[in-house]
N, C-alpha and C. Protein backbone atom coordinates (compact mmCIF):
# COMPACT_ATOMS: atom_id res chain seq x y z
N MET A 1 111.34 88.26 127.93
CA MET A 1 112.00 88.68 129.13
C MET A 1 111.24 88.17 130.35
N SER A 2 111.94 87.80 131.37
CA SER A 2 111.35 87.29 132.60
C SER A 2 110.65 88.41 133.37
N ASP A 3 109.63 88.03 134.14
CA ASP A 3 108.94 89.00 135.00
C ASP A 3 109.87 89.52 136.09
N GLN A 4 110.94 88.78 136.38
CA GLN A 4 111.88 89.17 137.43
C GLN A 4 112.98 90.08 136.91
N TYR A 5 113.08 90.24 135.62
CA TYR A 5 114.13 91.08 135.03
C TYR A 5 113.87 92.54 135.35
N ILE A 6 114.89 93.22 135.83
CA ILE A 6 114.81 94.66 136.08
C ILE A 6 115.93 95.30 135.29
N PRO A 7 115.61 96.22 134.38
CA PRO A 7 116.65 96.86 133.57
C PRO A 7 117.74 97.50 134.45
N MET A 8 118.97 97.49 133.94
CA MET A 8 120.10 97.98 134.71
C MET A 8 119.90 99.41 135.19
N ILE A 9 119.41 100.30 134.35
CA ILE A 9 119.23 101.70 134.75
C ILE A 9 118.26 101.79 135.93
N GLU A 10 117.22 101.00 135.90
CA GLU A 10 116.26 100.99 137.01
C GLU A 10 116.90 100.45 138.29
N ARG A 11 117.69 99.38 138.16
CA ARG A 11 118.38 98.82 139.33
C ARG A 11 119.34 99.84 139.93
N ILE A 12 120.08 100.50 139.08
CA ILE A 12 121.04 101.51 139.56
C ILE A 12 120.29 102.64 140.25
N SER A 13 119.20 103.09 139.66
CA SER A 13 118.41 104.17 140.25
C SER A 13 117.89 103.78 141.63
N GLU A 14 117.41 102.55 141.76
CA GLU A 14 116.87 102.09 143.04
C GLU A 14 117.96 101.96 144.10
N GLU A 15 119.16 101.65 143.69
CA GLU A 15 120.26 101.43 144.64
C GLU A 15 121.18 102.63 144.77
N TYR A 16 120.83 103.74 144.14
CA TYR A 16 121.75 104.88 144.09
C TYR A 16 122.09 105.42 145.48
N ASP A 17 121.09 105.61 146.34
CA ASP A 17 121.36 106.19 147.66
C ASP A 17 122.36 105.36 148.45
N GLU A 18 122.19 104.04 148.39
CA GLU A 18 123.12 103.17 149.11
C GLU A 18 124.51 103.22 148.49
N SER A 19 124.58 103.22 147.16
CA SER A 19 125.87 103.30 146.48
C SER A 19 126.56 104.62 146.78
N ASP A 20 125.80 105.70 146.76
CA ASP A 20 126.35 107.02 147.06
C ASP A 20 126.92 107.05 148.48
N SER A 21 126.16 106.53 149.42
CA SER A 21 126.60 106.47 150.81
C SER A 21 127.88 105.64 150.94
N ASN A 22 127.92 104.50 150.27
CA ASN A 22 129.11 103.65 150.32
C ASN A 22 130.34 104.35 149.75
N MET A 23 130.15 105.10 148.66
CA MET A 23 131.29 105.80 148.06
C MET A 23 131.80 106.91 148.97
N VAL A 24 130.90 107.59 149.67
CA VAL A 24 131.31 108.64 150.61
C VAL A 24 132.05 108.02 151.79
N LEU A 25 131.58 106.88 152.28
CA LEU A 25 132.29 106.19 153.35
C LEU A 25 133.67 105.74 152.88
N GLU A 26 133.74 105.26 151.66
CA GLU A 26 135.02 104.85 151.07
C GLU A 26 135.98 106.04 151.01
N LEU A 27 135.46 107.19 150.61
CA LEU A 27 136.29 108.40 150.54
C LEU A 27 136.82 108.76 151.91
N ALA A 28 135.96 108.69 152.92
CA ALA A 28 136.39 109.01 154.29
C ALA A 28 137.48 108.06 154.77
N ASP A 29 137.41 106.80 154.32
CA ASP A 29 138.41 105.81 154.73
C ASP A 29 139.73 105.95 153.99
N THR A 30 139.71 106.52 152.80
CA THR A 30 140.91 106.54 151.96
C THR A 30 141.54 107.92 151.79
N ASP A 31 140.85 108.97 152.17
CA ASP A 31 141.37 110.33 151.96
C ASP A 31 141.40 111.07 153.30
N GLN A 32 142.59 111.25 153.84
CA GLN A 32 142.73 111.91 155.14
C GLN A 32 142.26 113.36 155.11
N GLY A 33 142.46 114.04 153.98
CA GLY A 33 142.01 115.42 153.86
C GLY A 33 140.50 115.53 153.97
N TYR A 34 139.80 114.62 153.30
CA TYR A 34 138.35 114.61 153.36
C TYR A 34 137.89 114.28 154.78
N ALA A 35 138.49 113.27 155.39
CA ALA A 35 138.13 112.89 156.76
C ALA A 35 138.35 114.06 157.72
N ALA A 36 139.41 114.81 157.52
CA ALA A 36 139.69 115.96 158.38
C ALA A 36 138.64 117.06 158.19
N LEU A 37 138.22 117.28 156.94
CA LEU A 37 137.15 118.25 156.69
C LEU A 37 135.87 117.85 157.41
N LYS A 38 135.49 116.59 157.29
CA LYS A 38 134.27 116.12 157.94
C LYS A 38 134.38 116.21 159.46
N GLN A 39 135.56 115.95 159.99
CA GLN A 39 135.79 116.06 161.44
C GLN A 39 135.63 117.51 161.88
N ARG A 40 136.21 118.43 161.12
CA ARG A 40 136.11 119.85 161.46
C ARG A 40 134.65 120.32 161.40
N MET A 41 133.90 119.84 160.42
CA MET A 41 132.48 120.18 160.33
C MET A 41 131.74 119.69 161.58
N SER A 42 132.04 118.49 162.00
CA SER A 42 131.41 117.92 163.19
C SER A 42 131.79 118.75 164.42
N GLU A 43 133.05 119.14 164.50
CA GLU A 43 133.52 119.95 165.64
C GLU A 43 132.82 121.31 165.68
N LEU A 44 132.47 121.86 164.55
CA LEU A 44 131.74 123.13 164.53
C LEU A 44 130.27 122.95 164.94
N ARG A 45 129.68 121.83 164.54
CA ARG A 45 128.26 121.61 164.85
C ARG A 45 128.01 121.43 166.34
N HIS A 46 128.91 120.75 167.05
CA HIS A 46 128.66 120.42 168.46
C HIS A 46 128.54 121.65 169.36
N PRO A 47 129.49 122.56 169.34
CA PRO A 47 129.35 123.70 170.25
C PRO A 47 128.38 124.78 169.74
N TYR A 48 127.97 124.66 168.49
CA TYR A 48 127.08 125.66 167.90
C TYR A 48 125.82 124.99 167.36
N PRO A 49 124.87 124.70 168.24
CA PRO A 49 123.66 123.98 167.82
C PRO A 49 122.81 124.73 166.80
N PHE A 50 123.04 126.02 166.64
CA PHE A 50 122.27 126.77 165.64
C PHE A 50 122.53 126.24 164.23
N ILE A 51 123.71 125.65 164.01
CA ILE A 51 124.02 125.10 162.68
C ILE A 51 123.05 123.96 162.36
N GLU A 52 122.91 123.03 163.29
CA GLU A 52 121.99 121.90 163.08
C GLU A 52 120.55 122.40 162.96
N LYS A 53 120.20 123.36 163.79
CA LYS A 53 118.85 123.92 163.74
C LYS A 53 118.58 124.55 162.38
N LEU A 54 119.56 125.23 161.86
CA LEU A 54 119.42 125.86 160.54
C LEU A 54 119.30 124.80 159.44
N LEU A 55 120.11 123.75 159.52
CA LEU A 55 120.13 122.73 158.48
C LEU A 55 118.91 121.81 158.54
N GLU A 56 118.44 121.50 159.73
CA GLU A 56 117.39 120.50 159.88
C GLU A 56 116.03 121.08 160.25
N GLY A 57 116.01 122.25 160.80
CA GLY A 57 114.76 122.80 161.31
C GLY A 57 114.06 123.70 160.32
N ASP A 58 113.03 124.31 160.84
CA ASP A 58 112.33 125.32 160.07
C ASP A 58 111.99 126.46 161.02
N GLY A 59 111.55 127.52 160.47
CA GLY A 59 111.26 128.68 161.30
C GLY A 59 112.40 129.69 161.25
N GLU A 60 112.24 130.69 162.04
CA GLU A 60 113.18 131.82 162.02
C GLU A 60 114.38 131.56 162.91
N ILE A 61 115.54 132.01 162.44
CA ILE A 61 116.78 131.92 163.21
C ILE A 61 117.48 133.27 163.10
N ARG A 62 117.92 133.75 164.21
CA ARG A 62 118.69 135.00 164.23
C ARG A 62 120.12 134.66 164.64
N LEU A 63 121.06 135.24 163.92
CA LEU A 63 122.47 134.96 164.19
C LEU A 63 123.19 136.24 164.58
N SER A 64 124.11 136.08 165.51
CA SER A 64 125.01 137.19 165.83
C SER A 64 126.07 137.26 164.73
N ALA A 65 126.86 138.31 164.74
CA ALA A 65 127.94 138.44 163.76
C ALA A 65 128.92 137.28 163.89
N GLN A 66 129.21 136.88 165.13
CA GLN A 66 130.13 135.75 165.37
C GLN A 66 129.52 134.45 164.84
N GLU A 67 128.25 134.21 165.10
CA GLU A 67 127.59 133.00 164.61
C GLU A 67 127.54 132.99 163.08
N HIS A 68 127.35 134.16 162.50
CA HIS A 68 127.33 134.26 161.04
C HIS A 68 128.69 133.84 160.46
N GLU A 69 129.77 134.27 161.08
CA GLU A 69 131.10 133.89 160.62
C GLU A 69 131.33 132.40 160.79
N ILE A 70 130.86 131.84 161.91
CA ILE A 70 130.99 130.39 162.14
C ILE A 70 130.20 129.63 161.07
N LEU A 71 129.01 130.11 160.76
CA LEU A 71 128.21 129.47 159.71
C LEU A 71 128.91 129.56 158.36
N ASN A 72 129.53 130.69 158.07
CA ASN A 72 130.32 130.82 156.83
C ASN A 72 131.45 129.81 156.80
N GLN A 73 132.14 129.64 157.92
CA GLN A 73 133.22 128.64 158.00
C GLN A 73 132.66 127.25 157.71
N TYR A 74 131.52 126.94 158.33
CA TYR A 74 130.90 125.63 158.14
C TYR A 74 130.57 125.40 156.67
N PHE A 75 129.97 126.38 156.03
CA PHE A 75 129.59 126.22 154.62
C PHE A 75 130.81 126.13 153.71
N ARG A 76 131.88 126.83 154.03
CA ARG A 76 133.10 126.68 153.23
C ARG A 76 133.62 125.25 153.31
N LEU A 77 133.62 124.70 154.53
CA LEU A 77 134.04 123.31 154.71
C LEU A 77 133.09 122.37 153.99
N TYR A 78 131.79 122.63 154.11
CA TYR A 78 130.78 121.79 153.48
C TYR A 78 130.97 121.74 151.96
N PHE A 79 131.18 122.90 151.34
CA PHE A 79 131.34 122.93 149.89
C PHE A 79 132.64 122.27 149.44
N ARG A 80 133.70 122.40 150.24
CA ARG A 80 134.94 121.69 149.91
C ARG A 80 134.73 120.19 149.98
N ALA A 81 134.06 119.72 151.04
CA ALA A 81 133.79 118.29 151.18
C ALA A 81 132.88 117.80 150.07
N ASP A 82 131.87 118.59 149.74
CA ASP A 82 130.93 118.20 148.68
C ASP A 82 131.66 118.08 147.34
N ASN A 83 132.55 119.01 147.05
CA ASN A 83 133.32 118.93 145.80
C ASN A 83 134.20 117.69 145.78
N MET A 84 134.79 117.35 146.91
CA MET A 84 135.61 116.14 146.97
C MET A 84 134.75 114.90 146.75
N GLU A 85 133.55 114.88 147.32
CA GLU A 85 132.63 113.75 147.13
C GLU A 85 132.24 113.62 145.67
N ARG A 86 131.89 114.74 145.05
CA ARG A 86 131.47 114.70 143.65
C ARG A 86 132.60 114.22 142.74
N LYS A 87 133.81 114.68 143.01
CA LYS A 87 134.97 114.25 142.22
C LYS A 87 135.21 112.75 142.40
N HIS A 88 135.11 112.28 143.64
CA HIS A 88 135.31 110.86 143.92
C HIS A 88 134.26 110.02 143.20
N ILE A 89 133.02 110.43 143.26
CA ILE A 89 131.94 109.69 142.60
C ILE A 89 132.12 109.71 141.08
N TYR A 90 132.53 110.84 140.55
CA TYR A 90 132.77 110.97 139.10
C TYR A 90 133.83 109.97 138.64
N PHE A 91 134.97 109.96 139.32
CA PHE A 91 136.04 109.05 138.91
C PHE A 91 135.70 107.60 139.23
N ARG A 92 134.96 107.37 140.30
CA ARG A 92 134.52 106.01 140.61
C ARG A 92 133.61 105.49 139.50
N GLY A 93 132.76 106.37 138.97
CA GLY A 93 131.90 105.98 137.85
C GLY A 93 132.71 105.56 136.65
N HIS A 94 133.79 106.30 136.36
CA HIS A 94 134.65 105.94 135.25
C HIS A 94 135.31 104.58 135.49
N THR A 95 135.77 104.37 136.72
CA THR A 95 136.41 103.10 137.06
C THR A 95 135.43 101.95 136.91
N ASP A 96 134.22 102.12 137.42
CA ASP A 96 133.21 101.07 137.31
C ASP A 96 132.85 100.81 135.85
N CYS A 97 132.74 101.86 135.07
CA CYS A 97 132.41 101.71 133.65
C CYS A 97 133.51 100.94 132.92
N PHE A 98 134.75 101.30 133.18
CA PHE A 98 135.87 100.62 132.53
C PHE A 98 135.88 99.14 132.91
N SER A 99 135.66 98.86 134.20
CA SER A 99 135.61 97.46 134.65
C SER A 99 134.50 96.70 133.95
N TYR A 100 133.35 97.34 133.80
CA TYR A 100 132.22 96.69 133.13
C TYR A 100 132.55 96.42 131.66
N LEU A 101 133.17 97.38 130.99
CA LEU A 101 133.53 97.20 129.59
C LEU A 101 134.53 96.06 129.42
N GLU A 102 135.46 95.96 130.37
CA GLU A 102 136.40 94.83 130.32
C GLU A 102 135.66 93.51 130.54
N LYS A 103 134.72 93.50 131.46
CA LYS A 103 133.98 92.28 131.76
C LYS A 103 133.20 91.77 130.56
N ILE A 104 132.64 92.69 129.79
CA ILE A 104 131.86 92.27 128.61
C ILE A 104 132.75 92.16 127.37
N ALA A 105 134.05 92.25 127.58
CA ALA A 105 135.04 92.09 126.52
C ALA A 105 134.86 93.12 125.41
N ALA A 106 134.53 94.33 125.78
CA ALA A 106 134.34 95.38 124.79
C ALA A 106 135.67 95.76 124.10
N PHE A 107 136.78 95.44 124.75
CA PHE A 107 138.09 95.79 124.19
C PHE A 107 138.76 94.62 123.52
N LYS A 108 138.09 93.50 123.47
CA LYS A 108 138.67 92.29 122.92
C LYS A 108 138.84 92.45 121.40
N LYS A 109 140.05 92.21 120.95
CA LYS A 109 140.34 92.28 119.52
C LYS A 109 140.19 90.89 118.93
N GLU A 110 139.60 90.85 117.80
CA GLU A 110 139.42 89.55 117.15
C GLU A 110 140.33 89.42 115.97
């Protein structure tokens, strides 16, 4: 084997973050429901900076009852979007696998 050869699993692992990001962008471009969820999440973050502080910061945060409900809304949207992403990636993996099997002629009858 060549010194330049990198096993497929290692290559996929190294490129996973970029592939994951590309698939999420693809989902946003092709699924209006997903794009709307992401837009609503963004709309909640802008007027309520405590959401970003909670997600990105550290330290103590105190929420009013209204802020708590807004945060619950945000997380409901987040989990719906996350489920859509996971489903898209799952089926995309199947599609890629099937394409690869066709490419290597795994279905070729002799």
